[in-house]
mmCIF file of all heavy atoms, coordinates in Angstrom:
data_MODEL
# 
_entry.id   MODEL 
# 
loop_
_atom_site.group_PDB 
_atom_site.id 
_atom_site.type_symbol 
_atom_site.label_atom_id 
_atom_site.label_alt_id 
_atom_site.label_comp_id 
_atom_site.label_asym_id 
_atom_site.label_entity_id 
_atom_site.label_seq_id 
_atom_site.pdbx_PDB_ins_code 
_atom_site.Cartn_x 
_atom_site.Cartn_y 
_atom_site.Cartn_z 
_atom_site.occupancy 
_atom_site.B_iso_or_equiv 
_atom_site.pdbx_formal_charge 
_atom_site.auth_seq_id 
_atom_site.auth_comp_id 
_atom_site.auth_asym_id 
_atom_site.auth_atom_id 
_atom_site.pdbx_PDB_model_num 
ATOM 1   N N   . ARG A 1 1  ? 0.856  -1.219  0.014   1.00 0.00 ? 1  ARG A N   1 
ATOM 2   C CA  . ARG A 1 1  ? 0.005  -0.027  0.020   1.00 0.00 ? 1  ARG A CA  1 
ATOM 3   C C   . ARG A 1 1  ? 0.886  1.291   0.009   1.00 0.00 ? 1  ARG A C   1 
ATOM 4   O O   . ARG A 1 1  ? 0.641  2.188   -0.732  1.00 0.00 ? 1  ARG A O   1 
ATOM 5   C CB  . ARG A 1 1  ? -0.963 -0.001  1.163   1.00 0.00 ? 1  ARG A CB  1 
ATOM 6   C CG  . ARG A 1 1  ? -1.880 1.201   1.132   1.00 0.00 ? 1  ARG A CG  1 
ATOM 7   C CD  . ARG A 1 1  ? -2.756 1.460   2.399   1.00 0.00 ? 1  ARG A CD  1 
ATOM 8   N NE  . ARG A 1 1  ? -3.433 0.234   2.835   1.00 0.00 ? 1  ARG A NE  1 
ATOM 9   C CZ  . ARG A 1 1  ? -3.154 -0.424  4.000   1.00 0.00 ? 1  ARG A CZ  1 
ATOM 10  N NH1 . ARG A 1 1  ? -2.235 -0.031  4.826   1.00 0.00 ? 1  ARG A NH1 1 
ATOM 11  N NH2 . ARG A 1 1  ? -3.863 -1.404  4.331   1.00 0.00 ? 1  ARG A NH2 1 
ATOM 12  N N   . ARG A 1 2  ? 1.874  1.227   0.832   1.00 0.00 ? 2  ARG A N   1 
ATOM 13  C CA  . ARG A 1 2  ? 2.847  2.412   0.967   1.00 0.00 ? 2  ARG A CA  1 
ATOM 14  C C   . ARG A 1 2  ? 3.510  2.620   -0.422  1.00 0.00 ? 2  ARG A C   1 
ATOM 15  O O   . ARG A 1 2  ? 3.670  3.765   -0.849  1.00 0.00 ? 2  ARG A O   1 
ATOM 16  C CB  . ARG A 1 2  ? 3.864  2.117   2.027   1.00 0.00 ? 2  ARG A CB  1 
ATOM 17  C CG  . ARG A 1 2  ? 4.569  3.365   2.463   1.00 0.00 ? 2  ARG A CG  1 
ATOM 18  C CD  . ARG A 1 2  ? 5.414  3.067   3.754   1.00 0.00 ? 2  ARG A CD  1 
ATOM 19  N NE  . ARG A 1 2  ? 4.659  2.598   4.899   1.00 0.00 ? 2  ARG A NE  1 
ATOM 20  C CZ  . ARG A 1 2  ? 4.764  1.322   5.406   1.00 0.00 ? 2  ARG A CZ  1 
ATOM 21  N NH1 . ARG A 1 2  ? 5.628  0.496   4.932   1.00 0.00 ? 2  ARG A NH1 1 
ATOM 22  N NH2 . ARG A 1 2  ? 4.034  0.988   6.410   1.00 0.00 ? 2  ARG A NH2 1 
ATOM 23  N N   . LEU A 1 3  ? 3.975  1.536   -1.030  1.00 0.00 ? 3  LEU A N   1 
ATOM 24  C CA  . LEU A 1 3  ? 4.631  1.651   -2.388  1.00 0.00 ? 3  LEU A CA  1 
ATOM 25  C C   . LEU A 1 3  ? 3.682  2.240   -3.461  1.00 0.00 ? 3  LEU A C   1 
ATOM 26  O O   . LEU A 1 3  ? 4.124  3.048   -4.240  1.00 0.00 ? 3  LEU A O   1 
ATOM 27  C CB  . LEU A 1 3  ? 5.199  0.292   -2.813  1.00 0.00 ? 3  LEU A CB  1 
ATOM 28  C CG  . LEU A 1 3  ? 6.318  -0.248  -1.969  1.00 0.00 ? 3  LEU A CG  1 
ATOM 29  C CD1 . LEU A 1 3  ? 6.655  -1.618  -2.418  1.00 0.00 ? 3  LEU A CD1 1 
ATOM 30  C CD2 . LEU A 1 3  ? 7.577  0.627   -2.115  1.00 0.00 ? 3  LEU A CD2 1 
ATOM 31  N N   . VAL A 1 4  ? 2.426  1.804   -3.404  1.00 0.00 ? 4  VAL A N   1 
ATOM 32  C CA  . VAL A 1 4  ? 1.473  2.324   -4.409  1.00 0.00 ? 4  VAL A CA  1 
ATOM 33  C C   . VAL A 1 4  ? 1.154  3.844   -4.114  1.00 0.00 ? 4  VAL A C   1 
ATOM 34  O O   . VAL A 1 4  ? 1.151  4.645   -4.999  1.00 0.00 ? 4  VAL A O   1 
ATOM 35  C CB  . VAL A 1 4  ? 0.166  1.461   -4.381  1.00 0.00 ? 4  VAL A CB  1 
ATOM 36  C CG1 . VAL A 1 4  ? -0.939 2.131   -5.238  1.00 0.00 ? 4  VAL A CG1 1 
ATOM 37  C CG2 . VAL A 1 4  ? 0.464  0.044   -4.927  1.00 0.00 ? 4  VAL A CG2 1 
ATOM 38  N N   . LEU A 1 5  ? 0.873  4.088   -2.836  1.00 0.00 ? 5  LEU A N   1 
ATOM 39  C CA  . LEU A 1 5  ? 0.502  5.481   -2.480  1.00 0.00 ? 5  LEU A CA  1 
ATOM 40  C C   . LEU A 1 5  ? 1.579  6.464   -2.680  1.00 0.00 ? 5  LEU A C   1 
ATOM 41  O O   . LEU A 1 5  ? 1.423  7.641   -3.010  1.00 0.00 ? 5  LEU A O   1 
ATOM 42  C CB  . LEU A 1 5  ? -0.006 5.567   -1.054  1.00 0.00 ? 5  LEU A CB  1 
ATOM 43  C CG  . LEU A 1 5  ? -1.394 4.969   -0.870  1.00 0.00 ? 5  LEU A CG  1 
ATOM 44  C CD1 . LEU A 1 5  ? -1.741 4.939   0.647   1.00 0.00 ? 5  LEU A CD1 1 
ATOM 45  C CD2 . LEU A 1 5  ? -2.501 5.751   -1.581  1.00 0.00 ? 5  LEU A CD2 1 
ATOM 46  N N   . SER A 1 6  ? 2.855  6.029   -2.528  1.00 0.00 ? 6  SER A N   1 
ATOM 47  C CA  . SER A 1 6  ? 3.971  6.915   -2.712  1.00 0.00 ? 6  SER A CA  1 
ATOM 48  C C   . SER A 1 6  ? 4.407  6.999   -4.155  1.00 0.00 ? 6  SER A C   1 
ATOM 49  O O   . SER A 1 6  ? 5.263  7.801   -4.514  1.00 0.00 ? 6  SER A O   1 
ATOM 50  C CB  . SER A 1 6  ? 5.195  6.445   -1.879  1.00 0.00 ? 6  SER A CB  1 
ATOM 51  O OG  . SER A 1 6  ? 5.616  5.179   -2.325  1.00 0.00 ? 6  SER A OG  1 
ATOM 52  N N   . GLY A 1 7  ? 3.866  6.169   -5.006  1.00 0.00 ? 7  GLY A N   1 
ATOM 53  C CA  . GLY A 1 7  ? 4.145  6.285   -6.435  1.00 0.00 ? 7  GLY A CA  1 
ATOM 54  C C   . GLY A 1 7  ? 5.314  5.414   -6.886  1.00 0.00 ? 7  GLY A C   1 
ATOM 55  O O   . GLY A 1 7  ? 5.700  5.409   -8.062  1.00 0.00 ? 7  GLY A O   1 
ATOM 56  N N   . VAL A 1 8  ? 5.908  4.650   -5.974  1.00 0.00 ? 8  VAL A N   1 
ATOM 57  C CA  . VAL A 1 8  ? 6.981  3.738   -6.308  1.00 0.00 ? 8  VAL A CA  1 
ATOM 58  C C   . VAL A 1 8  ? 6.409  2.671   -7.263  1.00 0.00 ? 8  VAL A C   1 
ATOM 59  O O   . VAL A 1 8  ? 7.098  2.319   -8.232  1.00 0.00 ? 8  VAL A O   1 
ATOM 60  C CB  . VAL A 1 8  ? 7.600  3.123   -5.101  1.00 0.00 ? 8  VAL A CB  1 
ATOM 61  C CG1 . VAL A 1 8  ? 8.624  2.021   -5.464  1.00 0.00 ? 8  VAL A CG1 1 
ATOM 62  C CG2 . VAL A 1 8  ? 8.292  4.184   -4.205  1.00 0.00 ? 8  VAL A CG2 1 
ATOM 63  N N   . ILE A 1 9  ? 5.253  2.230   -7.006  1.00 0.00 ? 9  ILE A N   1 
ATOM 64  C CA  . ILE A 1 9  ? 4.513  1.369   -7.942  1.00 0.00 ? 9  ILE A CA  1 
ATOM 65  C C   . ILE A 1 9  ? 3.446  2.251   -8.566  1.00 0.00 ? 9  ILE A C   1 
ATOM 66  O O   . ILE A 1 9  ? 2.570  2.759   -7.950  1.00 0.00 ? 9  ILE A O   1 
ATOM 67  C CB  . ILE A 1 9  ? 3.843  0.167   -7.232  1.00 0.00 ? 9  ILE A CB  1 
ATOM 68  C CG1 . ILE A 1 9  ? 4.862  -0.719  -6.523  1.00 0.00 ? 9  ILE A CG1 1 
ATOM 69  C CG2 . ILE A 1 9  ? 2.984  -0.618  -8.195  1.00 0.00 ? 9  ILE A CG2 1 
ATOM 70  C CD1 . ILE A 1 9  ? 4.305  -1.880  -5.713  1.00 0.00 ? 9  ILE A CD1 1 
ATOM 71  N N   . ALA A 1 10 ? 3.639  2.421   -9.871  1.00 0.00 ? 10 ALA A N   1 
ATOM 72  C CA  . ALA A 1 10 ? 2.747  3.379   -10.586 1.00 0.00 ? 10 ALA A CA  1 
ATOM 73  C C   . ALA A 1 10 ? 1.352  2.822   -10.900 1.00 0.00 ? 10 ALA A C   1 
ATOM 74  O O   . ALA A 1 10 ? 1.195  1.584   -10.845 1.00 0.00 ? 10 ALA A O   1 
ATOM 75  C CB  . ALA A 1 10 ? 3.386  3.762   -11.986 1.00 0.00 ? 10 ALA A CB  1 
ATOM 76  N N   . GLN A 1 11 ? 0.416  3.694   -11.100 1.00 0.00 ? 11 GLN A N   1 
ATOM 77  C CA  . GLN A 1 11 ? -0.965 3.299   -11.510 1.00 0.00 ? 11 GLN A CA  1 
ATOM 78  C C   . GLN A 1 11 ? -0.921 2.343   -12.663 1.00 0.00 ? 11 GLN A C   1 
ATOM 79  O O   . GLN A 1 11 ? -0.173 2.556   -13.605 1.00 0.00 ? 11 GLN A O   1 
ATOM 80  C CB  . GLN A 1 11 ? -1.837 4.536   -11.890 1.00 0.00 ? 11 GLN A CB  1 
ATOM 81  C CG  . GLN A 1 11 ? -3.174 4.207   -12.302 1.00 0.00 ? 11 GLN A CG  1 
ATOM 82  C CD  . GLN A 1 11 ? -3.914 5.499   -12.689 1.00 0.00 ? 11 GLN A CD  1 
ATOM 83  O OE1 . GLN A 1 11 ? -3.756 6.479   -12.045 1.00 0.00 ? 11 GLN A OE1 1 
ATOM 84  N NE2 . GLN A 1 11 ? -4.738 5.373   -13.670 1.00 0.00 ? 11 GLN A NE2 1 
ATOM 85  N N   . ASP A 1 12 ? -1.639 1.293   -12.551 1.00 0.00 ? 12 ASP A N   1 
ATOM 86  C CA  . ASP A 1 12 ? -1.786 0.244   -13.579 1.00 0.00 ? 12 ASP A CA  1 
ATOM 87  C C   . ASP A 1 12 ? -0.532 -0.585  -13.827 1.00 0.00 ? 12 ASP A C   1 
ATOM 88  O O   . ASP A 1 12 ? -0.450 -1.405  -14.709 1.00 0.00 ? 12 ASP A O   1 
ATOM 89  C CB  . ASP A 1 12 ? -2.252 0.811   -14.902 1.00 0.00 ? 12 ASP A CB  1 
ATOM 90  C CG  . ASP A 1 12 ? -3.577 1.460   -14.830 1.00 0.00 ? 12 ASP A CG  1 
ATOM 91  O OD1 . ASP A 1 12 ? -4.511 0.856   -14.145 1.00 0.00 ? 12 ASP A OD1 1 
ATOM 92  O OD2 . ASP A 1 12 ? -3.850 2.498   -15.402 1.00 0.00 ? 12 ASP A OD2 1 
ATOM 93  N N   . GLU A 1 13 ? 0.445  -0.388  -12.921 1.00 0.00 ? 13 GLU A N   1 
ATOM 94  C CA  . GLU A 1 13 ? 1.749  -1.204  -13.042 1.00 0.00 ? 13 GLU A CA  1 
ATOM 95  C C   . GLU A 1 13 ? 1.417  -2.593  -12.474 1.00 0.00 ? 13 GLU A C   1 
ATOM 96  O O   . GLU A 1 13 ? 0.726  -2.743  -11.451 1.00 0.00 ? 13 GLU A O   1 
ATOM 97  C CB  . GLU A 1 13 ? 2.839  -0.548  -12.240 1.00 0.00 ? 13 GLU A CB  1 
ATOM 98  C CG  . GLU A 1 13 ? 4.168  -1.337  -12.335 1.00 0.00 ? 13 GLU A CG  1 
ATOM 99  C CD  . GLU A 1 13 ? 5.273  -0.600  -11.529 1.00 0.00 ? 13 GLU A CD  1 
ATOM 100 O OE1 . GLU A 1 13 ? 5.191  0.633   -11.377 1.00 0.00 ? 13 GLU A OE1 1 
ATOM 101 O OE2 . GLU A 1 13 ? 6.251  -1.272  -11.209 1.00 0.00 ? 13 GLU A OE2 1 
ATOM 102 N N   . LYS A 1 14 ? 1.920  -3.606  -13.146 1.00 0.00 ? 14 LYS A N   1 
ATOM 103 C CA  . LYS A 1 14 ? 1.736  -4.979  -12.713 1.00 0.00 ? 14 LYS A CA  1 
ATOM 104 C C   . LYS A 1 14 ? 2.589  -5.284  -11.471 1.00 0.00 ? 14 LYS A C   1 
ATOM 105 O O   . LYS A 1 14 ? 3.776  -4.931  -11.405 1.00 0.00 ? 14 LYS A O   1 
ATOM 106 C CB  . LYS A 1 14 ? 2.130  -5.936  -13.826 1.00 0.00 ? 14 LYS A CB  1 
ATOM 107 C CG  . LYS A 1 14 ? 1.789  -7.386  -13.512 1.00 0.00 ? 14 LYS A CG  1 
ATOM 108 C CD  . LYS A 1 14 ? 2.176  -8.226  -14.737 1.00 0.00 ? 14 LYS A CD  1 
ATOM 109 C CE  . LYS A 1 14 ? 1.699  -9.659  -14.554 1.00 0.00 ? 14 LYS A CE  1 
ATOM 110 N NZ  . LYS A 1 14 ? 1.992  -10.328 -13.331 1.00 0.00 ? 14 LYS A NZ  1 
ATOM 111 N N   . LEU A 1 15 ? 1.868  -5.872  -10.491 1.00 0.00 ? 15 LEU A N   1 
ATOM 112 C CA  . LEU A 1 15 ? 2.614  -6.288  -9.275  1.00 0.00 ? 15 LEU A CA  1 
ATOM 113 C C   . LEU A 1 15 ? 3.197  -7.715  -9.528  1.00 0.00 ? 15 LEU A C   1 
ATOM 114 O O   . LEU A 1 15 ? 2.792  -8.384  -10.434 1.00 0.00 ? 15 LEU A O   1 
ATOM 115 C CB  . LEU A 1 15 ? 1.622  -6.444  -8.071  1.00 0.00 ? 15 LEU A CB  1 
ATOM 116 C CG  . LEU A 1 15 ? 1.354  -5.139  -7.304  1.00 0.00 ? 15 LEU A CG  1 
ATOM 117 C CD1 . LEU A 1 15 ? 0.673  -4.124  -8.166  1.00 0.00 ? 15 LEU A CD1 1 
ATOM 118 C CD2 . LEU A 1 15 ? 0.495  -5.459  -6.110  1.00 0.00 ? 15 LEU A CD2 1 
ATOM 119 N N   . PRO A 1 16 ? 4.244  -8.041  -8.716  1.00 0.00 ? 16 PRO A N   1 
ATOM 120 C CA  . PRO A 1 16 ? 4.809  -9.378  -8.904  1.00 0.00 ? 16 PRO A CA  1 
ATOM 121 C C   . PRO A 1 16 ? 3.734  -10.469 -8.711  1.00 0.00 ? 16 PRO A C   1 
ATOM 122 O O   . PRO A 1 16 ? 2.803  -10.230 -7.868  1.00 0.00 ? 16 PRO A O   1 
ATOM 123 C CB  . PRO A 1 16 ? 5.894  -9.482  -7.791  1.00 0.00 ? 16 PRO A CB  1 
ATOM 124 C CG  . PRO A 1 16 ? 6.133  -8.082  -7.377  1.00 0.00 ? 16 PRO A CG  1 
ATOM 125 C CD  . PRO A 1 16 ? 4.887  -7.342  -7.664  1.00 0.00 ? 16 PRO A CD  1 
ATOM 126 N N   . SER A 1 17 ? 3.837  -11.552 -9.371  1.00 0.00 ? 17 SER A N   1 
ATOM 127 C CA  . SER A 1 17 ? 2.875  -12.631 -9.191  1.00 0.00 ? 17 SER A CA  1 
ATOM 128 C C   . SER A 1 17 ? 3.032  -13.127 -7.756  1.00 0.00 ? 17 SER A C   1 
ATOM 129 O O   . SER A 1 17 ? 3.970  -12.909 -7.046  1.00 0.00 ? 17 SER A O   1 
ATOM 130 C CB  . SER A 1 17 ? 3.119  -13.778 -10.185 1.00 0.00 ? 17 SER A CB  1 
ATOM 131 O OG  . SER A 1 17 ? 4.340  -14.458 -9.777  1.00 0.00 ? 17 SER A OG  1 
ATOM 132 N N   . VAL A 1 18 ? 1.998  -13.815 -7.305  1.00 0.00 ? 18 VAL A N   1 
ATOM 133 C CA  . VAL A 1 18 ? 1.969  -14.362 -5.938  1.00 0.00 ? 18 VAL A CA  1 
ATOM 134 C C   . VAL A 1 18 ? 3.184  -15.311 -5.751  1.00 0.00 ? 18 VAL A C   1 
ATOM 135 O O   . VAL A 1 18 ? 3.936  -15.206 -4.795  1.00 0.00 ? 18 VAL A O   1 
ATOM 136 C CB  . VAL A 1 18 ? 0.648  -15.146 -5.685  1.00 0.00 ? 18 VAL A CB  1 
ATOM 137 C CG1 . VAL A 1 18 ? 0.739  -15.976 -4.406  1.00 0.00 ? 18 VAL A CG1 1 
ATOM 138 C CG2 . VAL A 1 18 ? -0.530 -14.178 -5.630  1.00 0.00 ? 18 VAL A CG2 1 
ATOM 139 N N   . ARG A 1 19 ? 3.388  -16.139 -6.708  1.00 0.00 ? 19 ARG A N   1 
ATOM 140 C CA  . ARG A 1 19 ? 4.527  -17.136 -6.555  1.00 0.00 ? 19 ARG A CA  1 
ATOM 141 C C   . ARG A 1 19 ? 5.874  -16.424 -6.678  1.00 0.00 ? 19 ARG A C   1 
ATOM 142 O O   . ARG A 1 19 ? 6.791  -16.757 -5.902  1.00 0.00 ? 19 ARG A O   1 
ATOM 143 C CB  . ARG A 1 19 ? 4.499  -18.183 -7.725  1.00 0.00 ? 19 ARG A CB  1 
ATOM 144 C CG  . ARG A 1 19 ? 3.327  -19.144 -7.470  1.00 0.00 ? 19 ARG A CG  1 
ATOM 145 C CD  . ARG A 1 19 ? 3.346  -20.201 -8.544  1.00 0.00 ? 19 ARG A CD  1 
ATOM 146 N NE  . ARG A 1 19 ? 2.188  -21.097 -8.383  1.00 0.00 ? 19 ARG A NE  1 
ATOM 147 C CZ  . ARG A 1 19 ? 1.875  -22.042 -9.114  1.00 0.00 ? 19 ARG A CZ  1 
ATOM 148 N NH1 . ARG A 1 19 ? 2.631  -22.324 -10.176 1.00 0.00 ? 19 ARG A NH1 1 
ATOM 149 N NH2 . ARG A 1 19 ? 0.768  -22.766 -8.925  1.00 0.00 ? 19 ARG A NH2 1 
ATOM 150 N N   . GLU A 1 20 ? 6.023  -15.425 -7.499  1.00 0.00 ? 20 GLU A N   1 
ATOM 151 C CA  . GLU A 1 20 ? 7.178  -14.675 -7.653  1.00 0.00 ? 20 GLU A CA  1 
ATOM 152 C C   . GLU A 1 20 ? 7.551  -13.953 -6.305  1.00 0.00 ? 20 GLU A C   1 
ATOM 153 O O   . GLU A 1 20 ? 8.721  -14.044 -5.847  1.00 0.00 ? 20 GLU A O   1 
ATOM 154 C CB  . GLU A 1 20 ? 7.096  -13.622 -8.750  1.00 0.00 ? 20 GLU A CB  1 
ATOM 155 C CG  . GLU A 1 20 ? 8.336  -12.809 -9.085  1.00 0.00 ? 20 GLU A CG  1 
ATOM 156 C CD  . GLU A 1 20 ? 8.130  -11.832 -10.185 1.00 0.00 ? 20 GLU A CD  1 
ATOM 157 O OE1 . GLU A 1 20 ? 7.087  -11.974 -10.964 1.00 0.00 ? 20 GLU A OE1 1 
ATOM 158 O OE2 . GLU A 1 20 ? 8.860  -10.809 -10.251 1.00 0.00 ? 20 GLU A OE2 1 
ATOM 159 N N   . LEU A 1 21 ? 6.581  -13.244 -5.746  1.00 0.00 ? 21 LEU A N   1 
ATOM 160 C CA  . LEU A 1 21 ? 6.847  -12.528 -4.495  1.00 0.00 ? 21 LEU A CA  1 
ATOM 161 C C   . LEU A 1 21 ? 7.070  -13.475 -3.330  1.00 0.00 ? 21 LEU A C   1 
ATOM 162 O O   . LEU A 1 21 ? 7.949  -13.195 -2.512  1.00 0.00 ? 21 LEU A O   1 
ATOM 163 C CB  . LEU A 1 21 ? 5.676  -11.563 -4.191  1.00 0.00 ? 21 LEU A CB  1 
ATOM 164 C CG  . LEU A 1 21 ? 5.855  -10.558 -3.105  1.00 0.00 ? 21 LEU A CG  1 
ATOM 165 C CD1 . LEU A 1 21 ? 7.124  -9.746  -3.300  1.00 0.00 ? 21 LEU A CD1 1 
ATOM 166 C CD2 . LEU A 1 21 ? 4.622  -9.647  -2.927  1.00 0.00 ? 21 LEU A CD2 1 
ATOM 167 N N   . ALA A 1 22 ? 6.354  -14.543 -3.288  1.00 0.00 ? 22 ALA A N   1 
ATOM 168 C CA  . ALA A 1 22 ? 6.547  -15.583 -2.247  1.00 0.00 ? 22 ALA A CA  1 
ATOM 169 C C   . ALA A 1 22 ? 7.949  -16.146 -2.350  1.00 0.00 ? 22 ALA A C   1 
ATOM 170 O O   . ALA A 1 22 ? 8.662  -16.315 -1.301  1.00 0.00 ? 22 ALA A O   1 
ATOM 171 C CB  . ALA A 1 22 ? 5.535  -16.758 -2.400  1.00 0.00 ? 22 ALA A CB  1 
ATOM 172 N N   . SER A 1 23 ? 8.455  -16.349 -3.551  1.00 0.00 ? 23 SER A N   1 
ATOM 173 C CA  . SER A 1 23 ? 9.819  -16.831 -3.719  1.00 0.00 ? 23 SER A CA  1 
ATOM 174 C C   . SER A 1 23 ? 10.838 -15.793 -3.287  1.00 0.00 ? 23 SER A C   1 
ATOM 175 O O   . SER A 1 23 ? 11.794 -16.131 -2.593  1.00 0.00 ? 23 SER A O   1 
ATOM 176 C CB  . SER A 1 23 ? 9.997  -17.229 -5.221  1.00 0.00 ? 23 SER A CB  1 
ATOM 177 O OG  . SER A 1 23 ? 11.324 -17.589 -5.425  1.00 0.00 ? 23 SER A OG  1 
ATOM 178 N N   . GLN A 1 24 ? 10.610 -14.580 -3.676  1.00 0.00 ? 24 GLN A N   1 
ATOM 179 C CA  . GLN A 1 24 ? 11.553 -13.434 -3.313  1.00 0.00 ? 24 GLN A CA  1 
ATOM 180 C C   . GLN A 1 24 ? 11.652 -13.330 -1.740  1.00 0.00 ? 24 GLN A C   1 
ATOM 181 O O   . GLN A 1 24 ? 12.717 -13.056 -1.299  1.00 0.00 ? 24 GLN A O   1 
ATOM 182 C CB  . GLN A 1 24 ? 11.121 -12.139 -3.900  1.00 0.00 ? 24 GLN A CB  1 
ATOM 183 C CG  . GLN A 1 24 ? 11.277 -11.980 -5.321  1.00 0.00 ? 24 GLN A CG  1 
ATOM 184 C CD  . GLN A 1 24 ? 10.660 -10.660 -5.844  1.00 0.00 ? 24 GLN A CD  1 
ATOM 185 O OE1 . GLN A 1 24 ? 10.146 -9.810  -5.107  1.00 0.00 ? 24 GLN A OE1 1 
ATOM 186 N NE2 . GLN A 1 24 ? 10.748 -10.479 -7.168  1.00 0.00 ? 24 GLN A NE2 1 
ATOM 187 N N   . LEU A 1 25 ? 10.480 -13.438 -1.059  1.00 0.00 ? 25 LEU A N   1 
ATOM 188 C CA  . LEU A 1 25 ? 10.491 -13.218 0.348   1.00 0.00 ? 25 LEU A CA  1 
ATOM 189 C C   . LEU A 1 25 ? 10.582 -14.488 1.143   1.00 0.00 ? 25 LEU A C   1 
ATOM 190 O O   . LEU A 1 25 ? 10.626 -14.463 2.347   1.00 0.00 ? 25 LEU A O   1 
ATOM 191 C CB  . LEU A 1 25 ? 9.121  -12.510 0.744   1.00 0.00 ? 25 LEU A CB  1 
ATOM 192 C CG  . LEU A 1 25 ? 8.892  -11.185 0.144   1.00 0.00 ? 25 LEU A CG  1 
ATOM 193 C CD1 . LEU A 1 25 ? 7.479  -10.658 0.478   1.00 0.00 ? 25 LEU A CD1 1 
ATOM 194 C CD2 . LEU A 1 25 ? 9.936  -10.187 0.647   1.00 0.00 ? 25 LEU A CD2 1 
ATOM 195 N N   . ALA A 1 26 ? 10.710 -15.632 0.440   1.00 0.00 ? 26 ALA A N   1 
ATOM 196 C CA  . ALA A 1 26 ? 10.808 -16.961 1.040   1.00 0.00 ? 26 ALA A CA  1 
ATOM 197 C C   . ALA A 1 26 ? 9.749  -17.207 2.062   1.00 0.00 ? 26 ALA A C   1 
ATOM 198 O O   . ALA A 1 26 ? 9.980  -17.619 3.212   1.00 0.00 ? 26 ALA A O   1 
ATOM 199 C CB  . ALA A 1 26 ? 12.207 -17.103 1.683   1.00 0.00 ? 26 ALA A CB  1 
# 
């Protein structure tokens, strides 16, 4: 939410897939 509201993740930008983010964060 913070990343979206601060503009780090832009409007309509694709977020990492569930599996991709789960893998990144272990």
